[in-house]
Amino acid sequence: MVTTISPQNLADLLREKKPLRLVDVRTPAEFGEVHVETATNVPLDRLDPATVGNLVAGEGPLYFICRSGGRSGKACEKMMAAGHADVISVDGGTAACETAGLPVIRGRKAMSLERQVRIAAGALVFAGVMLAAFGGTETLRLAGLGIAGFVGAGLVFAGVTDTCGMAMIIARMPWNQACGSAASCSRVLLLAAMLTATAGPALAASPTRDSLPAVQQAVAEQKAVIIDVREPDEWAESHLSGARLVPLSRLKAGVAPADLARMLPQDKIIYCHCLAGGRCLVAADILKPLGYDVRPLGQSYDELVSAGFPAVTGR
């Protein structure tokens, strides 16, 4: 059974300045709209029990939060199935925390995943009914009935099992990943790149098979560069010597092609890394369709330092 904590008790812990590791498992777009101030975003579909603890500094239990408590409960179940018992779900989610007065950070308005699922399911059923009623051939009418019936069965299955395949698919759509508007051509390029990246497992990025000695040699021979896709505050604490900072948040927000060309050479291999190996895969999904030879490093930052990559320590 999943252990829960009320927003009021969570607020008490924050006021006492106790170490608190809070993970928001909503989509990046939902997280960007509003999130509890201390939360770190790790979407449920990318949650890896083996590495998620490395993404949030500190000790003690991992607290999971979502919009209303459903996805955070699933995150806890996923962690417990992997042998991590010290996990807690925030009852009522972000909405309840905001009502309880916890400090939140607001960004651009985004549509919740639940609303998107309702819209998509309703649109498919409506399209199926229209085909069944007005399809010009028997094949079209049967196809319409099949669509409506399939979606209806899927909704029943989701209600019985509390698992929604449609939600999992929609959560990976480009508009649920980017946090900025899509007004400029650079944003359009970004959305196209992410759509390509989500088109199927065969196109998705995976950690490079290049050995770490081969990576070090390529960098030493100036055939490759290393980019760090963590955020500036993480970079300031410690980073690999010679690496370039290209925050994932900036890539998601959209970078003009000319600016990107000044940041990254297209004639060299781009090895990218982050803290635990998750964010660099997302960065590779964005950069590969734009023509860059991006090779994500599967090792964590600490593993790279232990392997002999020199580090620069800041504050």
Protein backbone atom coordinates (compact mmCIF):
# COMPACT_ATOMS: atom_id res chain seq x y z
CA MET A 1 0.00 0.00 0.00
CA VAL A 2 1.30 3.44 -0.95
CA THR A 3 2.12 5.76 1.95
CA THR A 4 0.74 9.30 1.57
CA ILE A 5 1.37 12.68 3.16
CA SER A 6 -1.04 15.60 3.35
CA PRO A 7 -0.08 18.98 1.84
CA GLN A 8 -0.32 20.49 5.34
CA ASN A 9 2.26 18.03 6.72
CA LEU A 10 4.44 18.59 3.69
CA ALA A 11 4.27 22.34 4.34
CA ASP A 12 5.33 21.73 7.94
CA LEU A 13 8.40 19.83 6.76
CA LEU A 14 9.35 22.62 4.38
CA ARG A 15 8.95 25.27 7.09
CA GLU A 16 11.23 23.22 9.38
CA LYS A 17 13.90 23.34 6.64
CA LYS A 18 14.21 19.57 6.74
CA PRO A 19 15.89 17.84 3.78
CA LEU A 20 13.11 17.02 1.34
CA ARG A 21 13.39 15.21 -1.98
CA LEU A 22 10.26 16.06 -3.97
CA VAL A 23 9.76 14.64 -7.49
CA ASP A 24 6.98 15.91 -9.78
CA VAL A 25 6.01 13.15 -12.23
CA ARG A 26 3.76 15.23 -14.53
CA THR A 27 4.71 16.16 -18.08
CA PRO A 28 7.23 19.00 -18.55
CA ALA A 29 4.46 21.24 -19.90
CA GLU A 30 2.30 20.71 -16.80
CA PHE A 31 5.32 21.19 -14.56
CA GLY A 32 6.18 24.43 -16.38
CA GLU A 33 2.68 25.80 -15.78
CA VAL A 34 2.87 25.52 -11.99
CA HIS A 35 4.86 23.41 -9.56
CA VAL A 36 5.83 23.35 -5.91
CA GLU A 37 8.95 25.45 -5.48
CA THR A 38 11.31 22.66 -4.37
CA ALA A 39 10.10 20.01 -6.85
CA THR A 40 12.24 18.37 -9.53
CA ASN A 41 10.53 17.20 -12.73
CA VAL A 42 10.92 13.53 -13.74
CA PRO A 43 7.93 12.55 -15.94
CA LEU A 44 6.29 9.26 -15.00
CA ASP A 45 6.99 7.70 -18.40
CA ARG A 46 10.73 8.37 -17.90
CA LEU A 47 10.91 7.40 -14.24
CA ASP A 48 13.82 5.01 -13.69
CA PRO A 49 13.94 3.57 -10.15
CA ALA A 50 17.66 2.92 -10.55
CA THR A 51 18.62 6.55 -11.14
CA VAL A 52 15.83 8.84 -9.92
CA GLY A 53 17.38 9.14 -6.44
CA ASN A 54 20.48 10.69 -8.00
CA LEU A 55 18.45 13.50 -9.55
CA VAL A 56 17.46 15.00 -6.21
CA ALA A 57 20.13 15.94 -3.67
CA GLY A 58 19.78 14.92 -0.05
CA GLU A 59 18.75 11.92 2.00
CA GLY A 60 15.52 10.52 3.37
CA PRO A 61 12.36 9.39 1.60
CA LEU A 62 11.45 10.32 -1.94
CA TYR A 63 8.19 12.27 -2.11
CA PHE A 64 6.26 12.02 -5.39
CA ILE A 65 3.70 14.58 -6.54
CA CYS A 66 1.53 15.04 -9.63
CA ARG A 67 -1.65 16.99 -10.39
CA SER A 68 -4.06 15.25 -8.04
CA GLY A 69 -2.33 12.16 -6.66
CA GLY A 70 -2.95 9.44 -9.26
CA ARG A 71 0.35 9.47 -11.13
CA SER A 72 2.37 10.03 -7.96
CA GLY A 73 0.78 6.88 -6.53
CA LYS A 74 1.81 4.97 -9.65
CA ALA A 75 5.34 6.34 -9.29
CA CYS A 76 5.48 5.01 -5.73
CA GLU A 77 4.21 1.61 -6.87
CA LYS A 78 6.88 1.52 -9.59
CA MET A 79 9.60 2.35 -7.06
CA MET A 80 8.33 -0.22 -4.55
CA ALA A 81 8.22 -2.92 -7.23
CA ALA A 82 11.92 -2.18 -7.85
CA GLY A 83 12.71 -2.59 -4.14
CA HIS A 84 12.60 1.04 -2.97
CA ALA A 85 10.26 1.13 0.01
CA ASP A 86 11.00 4.65 1.33
CA VAL A 87 8.62 6.49 -1.03
CA ILE A 88 5.64 8.73 -0.23
CA SER A 89 2.87 10.15 -2.42
CA VAL A 90 1.59 13.69 -1.80
CA ASP A 91 -2.16 13.40 -1.26
CA GLY A 92 -4.15 15.70 -3.54
CA GLY A 93 -1.12 16.66 -5.64
CA THR A 94 -0.03 20.11 -6.74
CA ALA A 95 -3.55 21.51 -6.71
CA ALA A 96 -3.99 20.65 -3.03
CA CYS A 97 -0.52 21.96 -2.18
CA GLU A 98 -1.33 25.29 -3.82
CA THR A 99 -4.58 25.49 -1.84
CA ALA A 100 -2.65 24.69 1.35
CA GLY A 101 -0.39 27.68 0.75
CA LEU A 102 2.82 25.96 -0.30
CA PRO A 103 5.10 28.21 -2.40
CA VAL A 104 4.73 27.48 -6.12
CA ILE A 105 6.41 28.66 -9.31
CA ARG A 106 4.16 29.64 -12.21
CA GLY A 107 4.90 29.65 -15.91
CA ARG A 108 2.97 29.36 -19.14
CA LYS A 109 -0.58 28.01 -18.99
CA ALA A 110 -0.82 24.38 -20.13
CA MET A 111 -3.71 21.96 -20.62
CA SER A 112 -3.71 19.09 -18.13
CA LEU A 113 -3.04 15.56 -19.37
CA GLU A 114 -6.46 14.42 -18.12
CA ARG A 115 -8.24 17.03 -20.28
CA GLN A 116 -6.16 16.06 -23.32
CA VAL A 117 -7.15 12.41 -22.87
CA ARG A 118 -10.83 13.33 -22.64
CA ILE A 119 -10.60 15.47 -25.77
CA ALA A 120 -8.72 12.80 -27.74
CA ALA A 121 -11.05 9.99 -26.69
CA GLY A 122 -14.15 12.07 -27.43
CA ALA A 123 -12.82 13.10 -30.84
CA LEU A 124 -12.07 9.49 -31.81
CA VAL A 125 -15.49 8.25 -30.70
CA PHE A 126 -17.21 11.11 -32.54
CA ALA A 127 -15.19 10.38 -35.71
CA GLY A 128 -16.08 6.69 -35.44
CA VAL A 129 -19.79 7.42 -35.06
CA MET A 130 -19.74 9.79 -38.05
CA LEU A 131 -18.05 7.16 -40.19
CA ALA A 132 -20.53 4.51 -39.06
CA ALA A 133 -23.50 6.78 -39.80
CA PHE A 134 -22.39 8.46 -43.02
CA GLY A 135 -19.61 6.29 -44.44
CA GLY A 136 -20.12 5.75 -48.15
CA THR A 137 -19.17 2.08 -48.07
CA GLU A 138 -19.69 -0.87 -45.77
CA THR A 139 -15.93 -0.90 -45.06
CA LEU A 140 -15.98 2.69 -43.82
CA ARG A 141 -19.05 2.06 -41.67
CA LEU A 142 -17.45 -1.00 -40.08
CA ALA A 143 -14.22 0.96 -39.55
CA GLY A 144 -16.19 3.67 -37.73
CA LEU A 145 -17.84 1.13 -35.45
CA GLY A 146 -14.46 -0.44 -34.81
CA ILE A 147 -12.88 2.89 -33.82
CA ALA A 148 -15.69 3.80 -31.45
CA GLY A 149 -15.76 0.33 -29.93
CA PHE A 150 -11.99 0.20 -29.50
CA VAL A 151 -11.87 3.55 -27.71
CA GLY A 152 -14.82 2.57 -25.51
CA ALA A 153 -13.14 -0.70 -24.54
CA GLY A 154 -9.93 1.19 -23.83
CA LEU A 155 -11.74 3.56 -21.47
CA VAL A 156 -13.31 0.62 -19.62
CA PHE A 157 -9.89 -1.03 -19.32
CA ALA A 158 -8.37 2.24 -18.06
CA GLY A 159 -11.10 2.56 -15.43
CA VAL A 160 -10.70 -1.03 -14.22
CA THR A 161 -6.89 -1.12 -14.15
CA ASP A 162 -6.22 2.59 -13.51
CA THR A 163 -3.76 2.42 -16.43
CA CYS A 164 -4.36 4.56 -19.51
CA GLY A 165 -2.38 3.80 -22.67
CA MET A 166 -3.72 6.90 -24.39
CA ALA A 167 -2.40 9.08 -21.56
CA MET A 168 1.03 7.47 -21.90
CA ILE A 169 1.09 8.26 -25.62
CA ILE A 170 -0.19 11.83 -25.26
CA ALA A 171 2.32 12.52 -22.47
CA ARG A 172 5.11 12.00 -25.01
CA MET A 173 3.70 14.40 -27.59
CA PRO A 174 5.87 17.45 -28.43
CA TRP A 175 3.46 20.01 -26.96
CA ASN A 176 3.74 18.24 -23.60
CA GLN A 177 7.54 18.51 -23.65
CA ALA A 178 8.28 22.12 -24.70
CA CYS A 179 7.74 24.86 -22.12
CA GLY A 180 7.73 27.94 -24.37
CA SER A 181 5.49 29.22 -27.15
CA ALA A 182 5.88 28.00 -30.71
CA ALA A 183 5.80 31.37 -32.40
CA SER A 184 9.29 31.47 -33.93
CA CYS A 185 10.66 29.24 -36.67
CA SER A 186 13.17 27.83 -34.20
CA ARG A 187 10.29 26.54 -32.07
CA VAL A 188 8.76 24.94 -35.16
CA LEU A 189 12.06 23.19 -35.84
CA LEU A 190 12.12 22.02 -32.24
CA LEU A 191 8.60 20.59 -32.45
CA ALA A 192 9.43 18.82 -35.70
CA ALA A 193 12.55 17.34 -34.14
CA MET A 194 10.65 16.12 -31.08
CA LEU A 195 7.87 14.69 -33.24
CA THR A 196 10.48 12.72 -35.17
CA ALA A 197 12.01 11.58 -31.90
CA THR A 198 8.66 10.27 -30.60
CA ALA A 199 7.67 8.56 -33.85
CA GLY A 200 8.90 5.19 -32.60
CA PRO A 201 11.46 3.32 -30.54
CA ALA A 202 13.70 2.87 -33.58
CA LEU A 203 14.20 6.65 -33.79
CA ALA A 204 14.58 7.35 -30.08
CA ALA A 205 18.03 8.11 -28.73
CA SER A 206 19.92 5.54 -26.68
CA PRO A 207 23.24 5.72 -24.81
CA THR A 208 26.32 5.51 -27.01
CA ARG A 209 28.32 2.31 -27.21
CA ASP A 210 31.56 4.28 -27.45
CA SER A 211 33.86 3.40 -24.56
CA LEU A 212 34.93 6.13 -22.18
CA PRO A 213 38.60 5.86 -23.27
CA ALA A 214 37.42 6.32 -26.87
CA VAL A 215 35.43 9.38 -25.81
CA GLN A 216 38.44 10.88 -24.04
CA GLN A 217 40.66 10.20 -27.05
CA ALA A 218 38.20 11.78 -29.50
CA VAL A 219 37.97 14.90 -27.32
CA ALA A 220 41.77 15.08 -26.96
CA GLU A 221 42.16 14.84 -30.76
CA GLN A 222 39.51 17.59 -31.17
CA LYS A 223 37.26 15.23 -33.09
CA ALA A 224 34.53 15.57 -30.49
CA VAL A 225 33.19 17.92 -27.84
CA ILE A 226 31.31 17.24 -24.60
CA ILE A 227 28.19 19.18 -23.70
CA ASP A 228 26.57 19.31 -20.28
CA VAL A 229 22.76 19.56 -20.50
CA ARG A 230 22.18 20.16 -16.79
CA GLU A 231 21.02 23.52 -15.48
CA PRO A 232 23.35 26.48 -14.71
CA ASP A 233 23.17 26.02 -10.92
CA GLU A 234 24.25 22.38 -11.26
CA TRP A 235 27.05 23.43 -13.63
CA ALA A 236 28.24 26.08 -11.16
CA GLU A 237 28.68 23.48 -8.41
CA SER A 238 30.82 21.17 -10.52
CA HIS A 239 31.33 20.34 -14.20
CA LEU A 240 33.69 18.44 -16.48
CA SER A 241 36.73 20.42 -17.56
CA GLY A 242 36.40 21.49 -21.19
CA ALA A 243 32.69 20.70 -21.40
CA ARG A 244 30.21 23.20 -22.82
CA LEU A 245 27.02 24.12 -21.00
CA VAL A 246 23.89 23.67 -23.14
CA PRO A 247 20.97 23.39 -20.66
CA LEU A 248 18.14 21.07 -21.67
CA SER A 249 15.65 23.75 -20.61
CA ARG A 250 17.12 26.08 -23.24
CA LEU A 251 16.94 23.41 -25.95
CA LYS A 252 13.30 22.76 -25.06
CA ALA A 253 12.52 26.48 -25.13
CA GLY A 254 13.93 26.68 -28.66
CA VAL A 255 17.27 27.91 -30.00
CA ALA A 256 17.54 29.63 -33.39
CA PRO A 257 19.53 27.48 -35.88
CA ALA A 258 22.17 30.20 -36.28
CA ASP A 259 22.67 30.44 -32.52
CA LEU A 260 22.81 26.67 -32.24
CA ALA A 261 25.46 26.52 -34.98
CA ARG A 262 27.60 28.93 -32.95
CA MET A 263 27.21 26.78 -29.85
CA LEU A 264 27.77 23.35 -31.41
CA PRO A 265 30.04 22.28 -34.30
CA GLN A 266 28.30 20.11 -36.88
CA ASP A 267 31.58 18.61 -38.08
CA LYS A 268 32.38 16.98 -34.74
CA ILE A 269 30.87 14.29 -32.54
CA ILE A 270 28.73 15.73 -29.74
CA TYR A 271 28.95 13.68 -26.56
CA CYS A 272 26.31 14.85 -24.08
CA HIS A 273 25.88 14.05 -20.41
CA CYS A 274 23.74 15.09 -17.45
CA LEU A 275 23.52 14.03 -13.83
CA ALA A 276 22.18 10.49 -14.16
CA GLY A 277 21.80 9.81 -17.91
CA GLY A 278 18.15 10.71 -18.50
CA ARG A 279 18.19 14.33 -19.65
CA CYS A 280 20.96 13.75 -22.19
CA LEU A 281 18.68 11.28 -24.03
CA VAL A 282 16.02 13.98 -24.36
CA ALA A 283 18.66 16.47 -25.58
CA ALA A 284 19.84 13.96 -28.18
CA ASP A 285 16.25 13.49 -29.39
CA ILE A 286 16.10 17.25 -29.98
CA LEU A 287 19.51 17.67 -31.64
CA LYS A 288 19.77 14.55 -33.83
CA PRO A 289 17.01 15.53 -36.30
CA LEU A 290 18.80 18.87 -36.73
CA GLY A 291 21.84 17.13 -38.19
CA TYR A 292 24.14 16.74 -35.19
CA ASP A 293 26.05 13.53 -34.47
CA VAL A 294 24.90 13.36 -30.85
CA ARG A 295 25.97 10.46 -28.67
CA PRO A 296 24.49 10.45 -25.15
CA LEU A 297 26.73 9.14 -22.38
CA GLY A 298 24.87 6.60 -20.27
CA GLN A 299 27.15 7.07 -17.27
CA SER A 300 26.22 9.40 -14.42
CA TYR A 301 28.25 12.53 -13.75
CA ASP A 302 29.93 10.88 -10.75
CA GLU A 303 30.84 7.85 -12.85
CA LEU A 304 32.47 10.08 -15.47
CA VAL A 305 34.56 11.81 -12.81
CA SER A 306 35.53 8.44 -11.30
CA ALA A 307 36.55 7.24 -14.77
CA GLY A 308 39.13 10.02 -15.01
CA PHE A 309 37.30 12.92 -16.63
CA PRO A 310 38.74 16.02 -14.88
CA ALA A 311 36.18 18.15 -13.05
CA VAL A 312 36.06 21.82 -12.13
CA THR A 313 34.49 22.51 -8.72
CA GLY A 314 32.71 25.80 -8.06
CA ARG A 315 30.73 26.78 -4.99
